[in-house]
Amino acid sequence: MNYHDIIIRPVLSEKSYDMIGDKTYTFIVDKRANKTEIKQAIEAVFAGVEVEKVNVVNRIGKVKRQGRFEGRRASTKKAYVTLKENSKGIEFFDSMQ
């Protein structure tokens, strides 16, 4: 799997903005990726970044109804990536603070 296929998009929310000060960044990642693959992908895509730990949350899609028909939204996997203290920040998020 390509590193750019593992990281789908960053999460831009109030909670994720509050965690940037602690060098914790949030991403939506591929559902099949594990913590080791996510760590390698972050370090490869963003130059000069050293990952300390990765926490992962699997989100099950919400049940939605339209009339009498029922379906589910897509399930996603969210990764909270914490960088080491001596690591530089991710430039994409630093410009948004």
PDB file of N, CA and C in Angstrom:
ATOM      1  N   MET A   1       0.845  -1.175   0.000  1.00  0.00           N
ATOM      2  CA  MET A   1       0.000   0.000   0.000  1.00  0.00           C
ATOM      3  C   MET A   1       0.898   1.249   0.000  1.00  0.00           C
ATOM      4  N   ASN A   2       0.540   2.222  -0.788  1.00  0.00           N
ATOM      5  CA  ASN A   2       1.270   3.483  -0.882  1.00  0.00           C
ATOM      6  C   ASN A   2       0.989   4.333   0.363  1.00  0.00           C
ATOM      7  N   TYR A   3       1.998   5.105   0.797  1.00  0.00           N
ATOM      8  CA  TYR A   3       1.830   5.940   1.988  1.00  0.00           C
ATOM      9  C   TYR A   3       0.718   6.965   1.815  1.00  0.00           C
ATOM     10  N   HIS A   4       0.544   7.489   0.613  1.00  0.00           N
ATOM     11  CA  HIS A   4      -0.511   8.486   0.380  1.00  0.00           C
ATOM     12  C   HIS A   4      -1.897   7.836   0.356  1.00  0.00           C
ATOM     13  N   ASP A   5      -1.959   6.522   0.185  1.00  0.00           N
ATOM     14  CA  ASP A   5      -3.241   5.824   0.254  1.00  0.00           C
ATOM     15  C   ASP A   5      -3.667   5.571   1.698  1.00  0.00           C
ATOM     16  N   ILE A   6      -2.708   5.523   2.609  1.00  0.00           N
ATOM     17  CA  ILE A   6      -3.024   5.269   4.022  1.00  0.00           C
ATOM     18  C   ILE A   6      -3.649   6.508   4.659  1.00  0.00           C
ATOM     19  N   ILE A   7      -3.054   7.682   4.442  1.00  0.00           N
ATOM     20  CA  ILE A   7      -3.577   8.924   5.007  1.00  0.00           C
ATOM     21  C   ILE A   7      -4.611   9.486   4.046  1.00  0.00           C
ATOM     22  N   ILE A   8      -5.880   9.494   4.448  1.00  0.00           N
ATOM     23  CA  ILE A   8      -6.943   9.957   3.553  1.00  0.00           C
ATOM     24  C   ILE A   8      -7.101  11.470   3.637  1.00  0.00           C
ATOM     25  N   ARG A   9      -7.277  12.007   4.870  1.00  0.00           N
ATOM     26  CA  ARG A   9      -7.425  13.453   5.021  1.00  0.00           C
ATOM     27  C   ARG A   9      -7.236  13.838   6.473  1.00  0.00           C
ATOM     28  N   PRO A  10      -6.890  15.088   6.746  1.00  0.00           N
ATOM     29  CA  PRO A  10      -6.812  15.538   8.139  1.00  0.00           C
ATOM     30  C   PRO A  10      -8.207  15.850   8.675  1.00  0.00           C
ATOM     31  N   VAL A  11      -8.334  15.777   9.992  1.00  0.00           N
ATOM     32  CA  VAL A  11      -9.587  16.140  10.654  1.00  0.00           C
ATOM     33  C   VAL A  11      -9.439  17.563  11.161  1.00  0.00           C
ATOM     34  N   LEU A  12     -10.327  18.449  10.745  1.00  0.00           N
ATOM     35  CA  LEU A  12     -10.284  19.853  11.131  1.00  0.00           C
ATOM     36  C   LEU A  12     -11.509  20.162  11.984  1.00  0.00           C
ATOM     37  N   SER A  13     -11.349  20.032  13.296  1.00  0.00           N
ATOM     38  CA  SER A  13     -12.437  20.288  14.233  1.00  0.00           C
ATOM     39  C   SER A  13     -11.888  21.049  15.428  1.00  0.00           C
ATOM     40  N   GLU A  14     -12.771  21.495  16.316  1.00  0.00           N
ATOM     41  CA  GLU A  14     -12.323  22.226  17.499  1.00  0.00           C
ATOM     42  C   GLU A  14     -11.435  21.363  18.380  1.00  0.00           C
ATOM     43  N   LYS A  15     -11.792  20.115  18.549  1.00  0.00           N
ATOM     44  CA  LYS A  15     -10.997  19.217  19.378  1.00  0.00           C
ATOM     45  C   LYS A  15      -9.607  19.011  18.782  1.00  0.00           C
ATOM     46  N   SER A  16      -9.536  18.832  17.461  1.00  0.00           N
ATOM     47  CA  SER A  16      -8.225  18.622  16.839  1.00  0.00           C
ATOM     48  C   SER A  16      -7.376  19.887  16.898  1.00  0.00           C
ATOM     49  N   TYR A  17      -7.993  21.067  16.800  1.00  0.00           N
ATOM     50  CA  TYR A  17      -7.236  22.321  16.927  1.00  0.00           C
ATOM     51  C   TYR A  17      -6.671  22.475  18.336  1.00  0.00           C
ATOM     52  N   ASP A  18      -7.425  22.077  19.354  1.00  0.00           N
ATOM     53  CA  ASP A  18      -6.960  22.184  20.734  1.00  0.00           C
ATOM     54  C   ASP A  18      -5.775  21.258  21.008  1.00  0.00           C
ATOM     55  N   MET A  19      -5.689  20.141  20.315  1.00  0.00           N
ATOM     56  CA  MET A  19      -4.615  19.178  20.555  1.00  0.00           C
ATOM     57  C   MET A  19      -3.333  19.509  19.800  1.00  0.00           C
ATOM     58  N   ILE A  20      -3.361  20.461  18.886  1.00  0.00           N
ATOM     59  CA  ILE A  20      -2.167  20.820  18.124  1.00  0.00           C
ATOM     60  C   ILE A  20      -1.074  21.358  19.043  1.00  0.00           C
ATOM     61  N   GLY A  21      -1.438  22.076  20.093  1.00  0.00           N
ATOM     62  CA  GLY A  21      -0.466  22.596  21.038  1.00  0.00           C
ATOM     63  C   GLY A  21       0.325  21.492  21.736  1.00  0.00           C
ATOM     64  N   ASP A  22      -0.275  20.309  21.901  1.00  0.00           N
ATOM     65  CA  ASP A  22       0.394  19.155  22.508  1.00  0.00           C
ATOM     66  C   ASP A  22       1.098  18.297  21.465  1.00  0.00           C
ATOM     67  N   LYS A  23       1.181  18.792  20.234  1.00  0.00           N
ATOM     68  CA  LYS A  23       1.774  18.070  19.100  1.00  0.00           C
ATOM     69  C   LYS A  23       1.035  16.769  18.807  1.00  0.00           C
ATOM     70  N   THR A  24      -0.287  16.815  18.914  1.00  0.00           N
ATOM     71  CA  THR A  24      -1.133  15.680  18.549  1.00  0.00           C
ATOM     72  C   THR A  24      -2.002  16.099  17.371  1.00  0.00           C
ATOM     73  N   TYR A  25      -1.921  15.342  16.292  1.00  0.00           N
ATOM     74  CA  TYR A  25      -2.633  15.655  15.057  1.00  0.00           C
ATOM     75  C   TYR A  25      -3.597  14.517  14.743  1.00  0.00           C
ATOM     76  N   THR A  26      -4.715  14.840  14.097  1.00  0.00           N
ATOM     77  CA  THR A  26      -5.769  13.872  13.838  1.00  0.00           C
ATOM     78  C   THR A  26      -5.949  13.686  12.328  1.00  0.00           C
ATOM     79  N   PHE A  27      -6.050  12.426  11.907  1.00  0.00           N
ATOM     80  CA  PHE A  27      -6.215  12.094  10.499  1.00  0.00           C
ATOM     81  C   PHE A  27      -7.259  11.004  10.342  1.00  0.00           C
ATOM     82  N   ILE A  28      -7.993  11.038   9.221  1.00  0.00           N
ATOM     83  CA  ILE A  28      -8.801   9.905   8.789  1.00  0.00           C
ATOM     84  C   ILE A  28      -7.868   9.028   7.966  1.00  0.00           C
ATOM     85  N   VAL A  29      -7.794   7.738   8.314  1.00  0.00           N
ATOM     86  CA  VAL A  29      -6.861   6.834   7.644  1.00  0.00           C
ATOM     87  C   VAL A  29      -7.613   5.649   7.054  1.00  0.00           C
ATOM     88  N   ASP A  30      -6.915   4.871   6.250  1.00  0.00           N
ATOM     89  CA  ASP A  30      -7.489   3.679   5.639  1.00  0.00           C
ATOM     90  C   ASP A  30      -7.884   2.679   6.724  1.00  0.00           C
ATOM     91  N   LYS A  31      -9.039   2.032   6.566  1.00  0.00           N
ATOM     92  CA  LYS A  31      -9.549   1.122   7.586  1.00  0.00           C
ATOM     93  C   LYS A  31      -8.673  -0.109   7.770  1.00  0.00           C
ATOM     94  N   ARG A  32      -7.889  -0.467   6.751  1.00  0.00           N
ATOM     95  CA  ARG A  32      -7.060  -1.669   6.829  1.00  0.00           C
ATOM     96  C   ARG A  32      -5.674  -1.401   7.403  1.00  0.00           C
ATOM     97  N   ALA A  33      -5.322  -0.133   7.629  1.00  0.00           N
ATOM     98  CA  ALA A  33      -3.980   0.220   8.100  1.00  0.00           C
ATOM     99  C   ALA A  33      -3.855  -0.005   9.603  1.00  0.00           C
ATOM    100  N   ASN A  34      -2.677  -0.483  10.037  1.00  0.00           N
ATOM    101  CA  ASN A  34      -2.429  -0.636  11.471  1.00  0.00           C
ATOM    102  C   ASN A  34      -1.559   0.516  11.962  1.00  0.00           C
ATOM    103  N   LYS A  35      -1.264   0.528  13.266  1.00  0.00           N
ATOM    104  CA  LYS A  35      -0.538   1.648  13.866  1.00  0.00           C
ATOM    105  C   LYS A  35       0.860   1.814  13.280  1.00  0.00           C
ATOM    106  N   THR A  36       1.545   0.715  13.023  1.00  0.00           N
ATOM    107  CA  THR A  36       2.900   0.786  12.468  1.00  0.00           C
ATOM    108  C   THR A  36       2.893   1.391  11.074  1.00  0.00           C
ATOM    109  N   GLU A  37       1.940   0.989  10.244  1.00  0.00           N
ATOM    110  CA  GLU A  37       1.839   1.543   8.889  1.00  0.00           C
ATOM    111  C   GLU A  37       1.480   3.021   8.922  1.00  0.00           C
ATOM    112  N   ILE A  38       0.621   3.424   9.843  1.00  0.00           N
ATOM    113  CA  ILE A  38       0.250   4.832   9.966  1.00  0.00           C
ATOM    114  C   ILE A  38       1.461   5.664  10.379  1.00  0.00           C
ATOM    115  N   LYS A  39       2.243   5.170  11.330  1.00  0.00           N
ATOM    116  CA  LYS A  39       3.450   5.870  11.777  1.00  0.00           C
ATOM    117  C   LYS A  39       4.437   6.038  10.628  1.00  0.00           C
ATOM    118  N   GLN A  40       4.675   4.985   9.871  1.00  0.00           N
ATOM    119  CA  GLN A  40       5.600   5.062   8.732  1.00  0.00           C
ATOM    120  C   GLN A  40       5.089   6.027   7.669  1.00  0.00           C
ATOM    121  N   ALA A  41       3.779   6.043   7.440  1.00  0.00           N
ATOM    122  CA  ALA A  41       3.203   6.931   6.424  1.00  0.00           C
ATOM    123  C   ALA A  41       3.344   8.390   6.827  1.00  0.00           C
ATOM    124  N   ILE A  42       3.096   8.719   8.095  1.00  0.00           N
ATOM    125  CA  ILE A  42       3.215  10.102   8.564  1.00  0.00           C
ATOM    126  C   ILE A  42       4.659  10.576   8.434  1.00  0.00           C
ATOM    127  N   GLU A  43       5.614   9.732   8.850  1.00  0.00           N
ATOM    128  CA  GLU A  43       7.022  10.117   8.781  1.00  0.00           C
ATOM    129  C   GLU A  43       7.508  10.242   7.343  1.00  0.00           C
ATOM    130  N   ALA A  44       6.922   9.484   6.425  1.00  0.00           N
ATOM    131  CA  ALA A  44       7.342   9.560   5.020  1.00  0.00           C
ATOM    132  C   ALA A  44       6.713  10.746   4.298  1.00  0.00           C
ATOM    133  N   VAL A  45       5.455  11.034   4.564  1.00  0.00           N
ATOM    134  CA  VAL A  45       4.752  12.102   3.847  1.00  0.00           C
ATOM    135  C   VAL A  45       5.192  13.483   4.339  1.00  0.00           C
ATOM    136  N   PHE A  46       5.322  13.641   5.660  1.00  0.00           N
ATOM    137  CA  PHE A  46       5.708  14.925   6.237  1.00  0.00           C
ATOM    138  C   PHE A  46       7.178  14.843   6.644  1.00  0.00           C
ATOM    139  N   ALA A  47       8.050  15.541   5.917  1.00  0.00           N
ATOM    140  CA  ALA A  47       9.491  15.450   6.130  1.00  0.00           C
ATOM    141  C   ALA A  47       9.888  16.072   7.468  1.00  0.00           C
ATOM    142  N   GLY A  48      10.837  15.440   8.159  1.00  0.00           N
ATOM    143  CA  GLY A  48      11.360  15.971   9.409  1.00  0.00           C
ATOM    144  C   GLY A  48      10.485  15.739  10.609  1.00  0.00           C
ATOM    145  N   VAL A  49       9.501  14.861  10.516  1.00  0.00           N
ATOM    146  CA  VAL A  49       8.567  14.594  11.608  1.00  0.00           C
ATOM    147  C   VAL A  49       8.897  13.236  12.216  1.00  0.00           C
ATOM    148  N   GLU A  50       8.952  13.175  13.560  1.00  0.00           N
ATOM    149  CA  GLU A  50       9.187  11.922  14.264  1.00  0.00           C
ATOM    150  C   GLU A  50       7.965  11.614  15.132  1.00  0.00           C
ATOM    151  N   VAL A  51       7.356  10.456  14.913  1.00  0.00           N
ATOM    152  CA  VAL A  51       6.132  10.072  15.612  1.00  0.00           C
ATOM    153  C   VAL A  51       6.487   9.331  16.895  1.00  0.00           C
ATOM    154  N   GLU A  52       5.871   9.761  18.000  1.00  0.00           N
ATOM    155  CA  GLU A  52       6.077   9.076  19.283  1.00  0.00           C
ATOM    156  C   GLU A  52       5.086   7.942  19.443  1.00  0.00           C
ATOM    157  N   LYS A  53       3.783   8.231  19.241  1.00  0.00           N
ATOM    158  CA  LYS A  53       2.773   7.185  19.372  1.00  0.00           C
ATOM    159  C   LYS A  53       1.577   7.483  18.480  1.00  0.00           C
ATOM    160  N   VAL A  54       0.791   6.435  18.234  1.00  0.00           N
ATOM    161  CA  VAL A  54      -0.409   6.531  17.405  1.00  0.00           C
ATOM    162  C   VAL A  54      -1.558   5.858  18.153  1.00  0.00           C
ATOM    163  N   ASN A  55      -2.651   6.572  18.336  1.00  0.00           N
ATOM    164  CA  ASN A  55      -3.879   6.005  18.899  1.00  0.00           C
ATOM    165  C   ASN A  55      -4.917   5.951  17.788  1.00  0.00           C
ATOM    166  N   VAL A  56      -5.679   4.847  17.747  1.00  0.00           N
ATOM    167  CA  VAL A  56      -6.611   4.616  16.646  1.00  0.00           C
ATOM    168  C   VAL A  56      -8.018   4.407  17.191  1.00  0.00           C
ATOM    169  N   VAL A  57      -9.016   5.006  16.495  1.00  0.00           N
ATOM    170  CA  VAL A  57     -10.424   4.852  16.850  1.00  0.00           C
ATOM    171  C   VAL A  57     -11.182   4.405  15.603  1.00  0.00           C
ATOM    172  N   ASN A  58     -11.914   3.294  15.725  1.00  0.00           N
ATOM    173  CA  ASN A  58     -12.782   2.835  14.640  1.00  0.00           C
ATOM    174  C   ASN A  58     -14.181   3.391  14.882  1.00  0.00           C
ATOM    175  N   ARG A  59     -14.691   4.147  13.893  1.00  0.00           N
ATOM    176  CA  ARG A  59     -16.026   4.731  14.017  1.00  0.00           C
ATOM    177  C   ARG A  59     -16.981   3.976  13.100  1.00  0.00           C
ATOM    178  N   ILE A  60     -18.048   3.441  13.680  1.00  0.00           N
ATOM    179  CA  ILE A  60     -19.050   2.737  12.900  1.00  0.00           C
ATOM    180  C   ILE A  60     -20.006   3.766  12.320  1.00  0.00           C
ATOM    181  N   GLY A  61     -20.389   3.582  11.050  1.00  0.00           N
ATOM    182  CA  GLY A  61     -21.270   4.520  10.377  1.00  0.00           C
ATOM    183  C   GLY A  61     -22.643   4.602  11.016  1.00  0.00           C
ATOM    184  N   LYS A  62     -23.203   5.811  11.057  1.00  0.00           N
ATOM    185  CA  LYS A  62     -24.520   6.028  11.644  1.00  0.00           C
ATOM    186  C   LYS A  62     -25.609   5.447  10.750  1.00  0.00           C
ATOM    187  N   VAL A  63     -26.668   4.971  11.378  1.00  0.00           N
ATOM    188  CA  VAL A  63     -27.835   4.497  10.643  1.00  0.00           C
ATOM    189  C   VAL A  63     -28.663   5.716  10.255  1.00  0.00           C
ATOM    190  N   LYS A  64     -28.963   5.858   8.983  1.00  0.00           N
ATOM    191  CA  LYS A  64     -29.758   6.979   8.480  1.00  0.00           C
ATOM    192  C   LYS A  64     -30.978   6.428   7.758  1.00  0.00           C
ATOM    193  N   ARG A  65     -32.078   7.163   7.879  1.00  0.00           N
ATOM    194  CA  ARG A  65     -33.313   6.763   7.219  1.00  0.00           C
ATOM    195  C   ARG A  65     -33.778   7.846   6.280  1.00  0.00           C
ATOM    196  N   GLN A  66     -34.375   7.415   5.201  1.00  0.00           N
ATOM    197  CA  GLN A  66     -35.034   8.336   4.291  1.00  0.00           C
ATOM    198  C   GLN A  66     -36.361   7.685   3.924  1.00  0.00           C
ATOM    199  N   GLY A  67     -37.404   8.164   4.612  1.00  0.00           N
ATOM    200  CA  GLY A  67     -38.707   7.527   4.427  1.00  0.00           C
ATOM    201  C   GLY A  67     -38.697   6.160   5.079  1.00  0.00           C
ATOM    202  N   ARG A  68     -39.068   5.149   4.327  1.00  0.00           N
ATOM    203  CA  ARG A  68     -39.077   3.797   4.888  1.00  0.00           C
ATOM    204  C   ARG A  68     -37.795   3.035   4.604  1.00  0.00           C
ATOM    205  N   PHE A  69     -36.858   3.639   3.900  1.00  0.00           N
ATOM    206  CA  PHE A  69     -35.599   2.986   3.565  1.00  0.00           C
ATOM    207  C   PHE A  69     -34.532   3.355   4.580  1.00  0.00           C
ATOM    208  N   GLU A  70     -33.740   2.374   4.952  1.00  0.00           N
ATOM    209  CA  GLU A  70     -32.722   2.570   5.972  1.00  0.00           C
ATOM    210  C   GLU A  70     -31.369   2.122   5.431  1.00  0.00           C
ATOM    211  N   GLY A  71     -30.344   2.875   5.777  1.00  0.00           N
ATOM    212  CA  GLY A  71     -28.996   2.524   5.359  1.00  0.00           C
ATOM    213  C   GLY A  71     -27.986   3.051   6.356  1.00  0.00           C
ATOM    214  N   ARG A  72     -26.721   2.832   6.076  1.00  0.00           N
ATOM    215  CA  ARG A  72     -25.652   3.280   6.965  1.00  0.00           C
ATOM    216  C   ARG A  72     -24.707   4.196   6.222  1.00  0.00           C
ATOM    217  N   ARG A  73     -24.156   5.165   6.957  1.00  0.00           N
ATOM    218  CA  ARG A  73     -23.046   5.948   6.422  1.00  0.00           C
ATOM    219  C   ARG A  73     -21.801   5.073   6.445  1.00  0.00           C
ATOM    220  N   ALA A  74     -20.775   5.491   5.751  1.00  0.00           N
ATOM    221  CA  ALA A  74     -19.555   4.699   5.693  1.00  0.00           C
ATOM    222  C   ALA A  74     -18.836   4.721   7.040  1.00  0.00           C
ATOM    223  N   SER A  75     -18.260   3.590   7.429  1.00  0.00           N
ATOM    224  CA  SER A  75     -17.446   3.515   8.635  1.00  0.00           C
ATOM    225  C   SER A  75     -16.069   4.093   8.332  1.00  0.00           C
ATOM    226  N   THR A  76     -15.426   4.694   9.340  1.00  0.00           N
ATOM    227  CA  THR A  76     -14.113   5.294   9.150  1.00  0.00           C
ATOM    228  C   THR A  76     -13.180   4.904  10.286  1.00  0.00           C
ATOM    229  N   LYS A  77     -11.903   5.162  10.079  1.00  0.00           N
ATOM    230  CA  LYS A  77     -10.886   4.953  11.104  1.00  0.00           C
ATOM    231  C   LYS A  77     -10.156   6.264  11.298  1.00  0.00           C
ATOM    232  N   LYS A  78     -10.068   6.715  12.560  1.00  0.00           N
ATOM    233  CA  LYS A  78      -9.428   7.978  12.885  1.00  0.00           C
ATOM    234  C   LYS A  78      -8.153   7.684  13.666  1.00  0.00           C
ATOM    235  N   ALA A  79      -7.058   8.382  13.329  1.00  0.00           N
ATOM    236  CA  ALA A  79      -5.783   8.186  14.015  1.00  0.00           C
ATOM    237  C   ALA A  79      -5.356   9.488  14.686  1.00  0.00           C
ATOM    238  N   TYR A  80      -5.015   9.397  15.973  1.00  0.00           N
ATOM    239  CA  TYR A  80      -4.439  10.511  16.719  1.00  0.00           C
ATOM    240  C   TYR A  80      -2.937  10.275  16.778  1.00  0.00           C
ATOM    241  N   VAL A  81      -2.165  11.137  16.103  1.00  0.00           N
ATOM    242  CA  VAL A  81      -0.722  10.967  15.988  1.00  0.00           C
ATOM    243  C   VAL A  81      -0.036  11.979  16.894  1.00  0.00           C
ATOM    244  N   THR A  82       0.760  11.488  17.846  1.00  0.00           N
ATOM    245  CA  THR A  82       1.510  12.349  18.756  1.00  0.00           C
ATOM    246  C   THR A  82       2.971  12.348  18.335  1.00  0.00           C
ATOM    247  N   LEU A  83       3.531  13.556  18.172  1.00  0.00           N
ATOM    248  CA  LEU A  83       4.922  13.690  17.758  1.00  0.00           C
ATOM    249  C   LEU A  83       5.835  13.793  18.973  1.00  0.00           C
ATOM    250  N   LYS A  84       7.114  13.493  18.766  1.00  0.00           N
ATOM    251  CA  LYS A  84       8.104  13.624  19.832  1.00  0.00           C
ATOM    252  C   LYS A  84       8.330  15.096  20.140  1.00  0.00           C
ATOM    253  N   GLU A  85       8.836  15.372  21.344  1.00  0.00           N
ATOM    254  CA  GLU A  85       9.053  16.751  21.786  1.00  0.00           C
ATOM    255  C   GLU A  85      10.040  17.508  20.892  1.00  0.00           C
ATOM    256  N   ASN A  86      11.115  16.835  20.454  1.00  0.00           N
ATOM    257  CA  ASN A  86      12.131  17.512  19.642  1.00  0.00           C
ATOM    258  C   ASN A  86      11.791  17.530  18.152  1.00  0.00           C
ATOM    259  N   SER A  87      10.658  16.938  17.772  1.00  0.00           N
ATOM    260  CA  SER A  87      10.244  16.911  16.372  1.00  0.00           C
ATOM    261  C   SER A  87       9.617  18.241  15.975  1.00  0.00           C
ATOM    262  N   LYS A  88       9.793  18.611  14.709  1.00  0.00           N
ATOM    263  CA  LYS A  88       9.114  19.822  14.237  1.00  0.00           C
ATOM    264  C   LYS A  88       7.650  19.495  13.949  1.00  0.00           C
ATOM    265  N   GLY A  89       6.801  20.502  13.957  1.00  0.00           N
ATOM    266  CA  GLY A  89       5.378  20.297  13.735  1.00  0.00           C
ATOM    267  C   GLY A  89       5.060  20.084  12.264  1.00  0.00           C
ATOM    268  N   ILE A  90       3.832  19.689  12.001  1.00  0.00           N
ATOM    269  CA  ILE A  90       3.364  19.512  10.631  1.00  0.00           C
ATOM    270  C   ILE A  90       2.929  20.873  10.117  1.00  0.00           C
ATOM    271  N   GLU A  91       3.530  21.316   9.024  1.00  0.00           N
ATOM    272  CA  GLU A  91       3.338  22.680   8.519  1.00  0.00           C
ATOM    273  C   GLU A  91       1.891  22.961   8.138  1.00  0.00           C
ATOM    274  N   PHE A  92       1.184  21.962   7.635  1.00  0.00           N
ATOM    275  CA  PHE A  92      -0.211  22.146   7.230  1.00  0.00           C
ATOM    276  C   PHE A  92      -1.056  22.630   8.403  1.00  0.00           C
ATOM    277  N   PHE A  93      -0.870  22.034   9.579  1.00  0.00           N
ATOM    278  CA  PHE A  93      -1.661  22.403  10.755  1.00  0.00           C
ATOM    279  C   PHE A  93      -1.131  23.671  11.408  1.00  0.00           C
ATOM    280  N   ASP A  94       0.182  23.877  11.366  1.00  0.00           N
ATOM    281  CA  ASP A  94       0.768  25.052  12.031  1.00  0.00           C
ATOM    282  C   ASP A  94       0.279  26.368  11.421  1.00  0.00           C
ATOM    283  N   SER A  95      -0.043  26.371  10.139  1.00  0.00           N
ATOM    284  CA  SER A  95      -0.524  27.589   9.503  1.00  0.00           C
ATOM    285  C   SER A  95      -1.965  27.919   9.906  1.00  0.00           C
ATOM    286  N   MET A  96      -2.665  26.988  10.538  1.00  0.00           N
ATOM    287  CA  MET A  96      -4.073  27.186  10.897  1.00  0.00           C
ATOM    288  C   MET A  96      -4.273  27.648  12.330  1.00  0.00           C
ATOM    289  N   GLN A  97      -3.235  27.665  13.145  1.00  0.00           N
ATOM    290  CA  GLN A  97      -3.401  28.032  14.550  1.00  0.00           C
ATOM    291  C   GLN A  97      -3.675  29.483  14.713  1.00  0.00           C
TER     292      GLN A  97
END
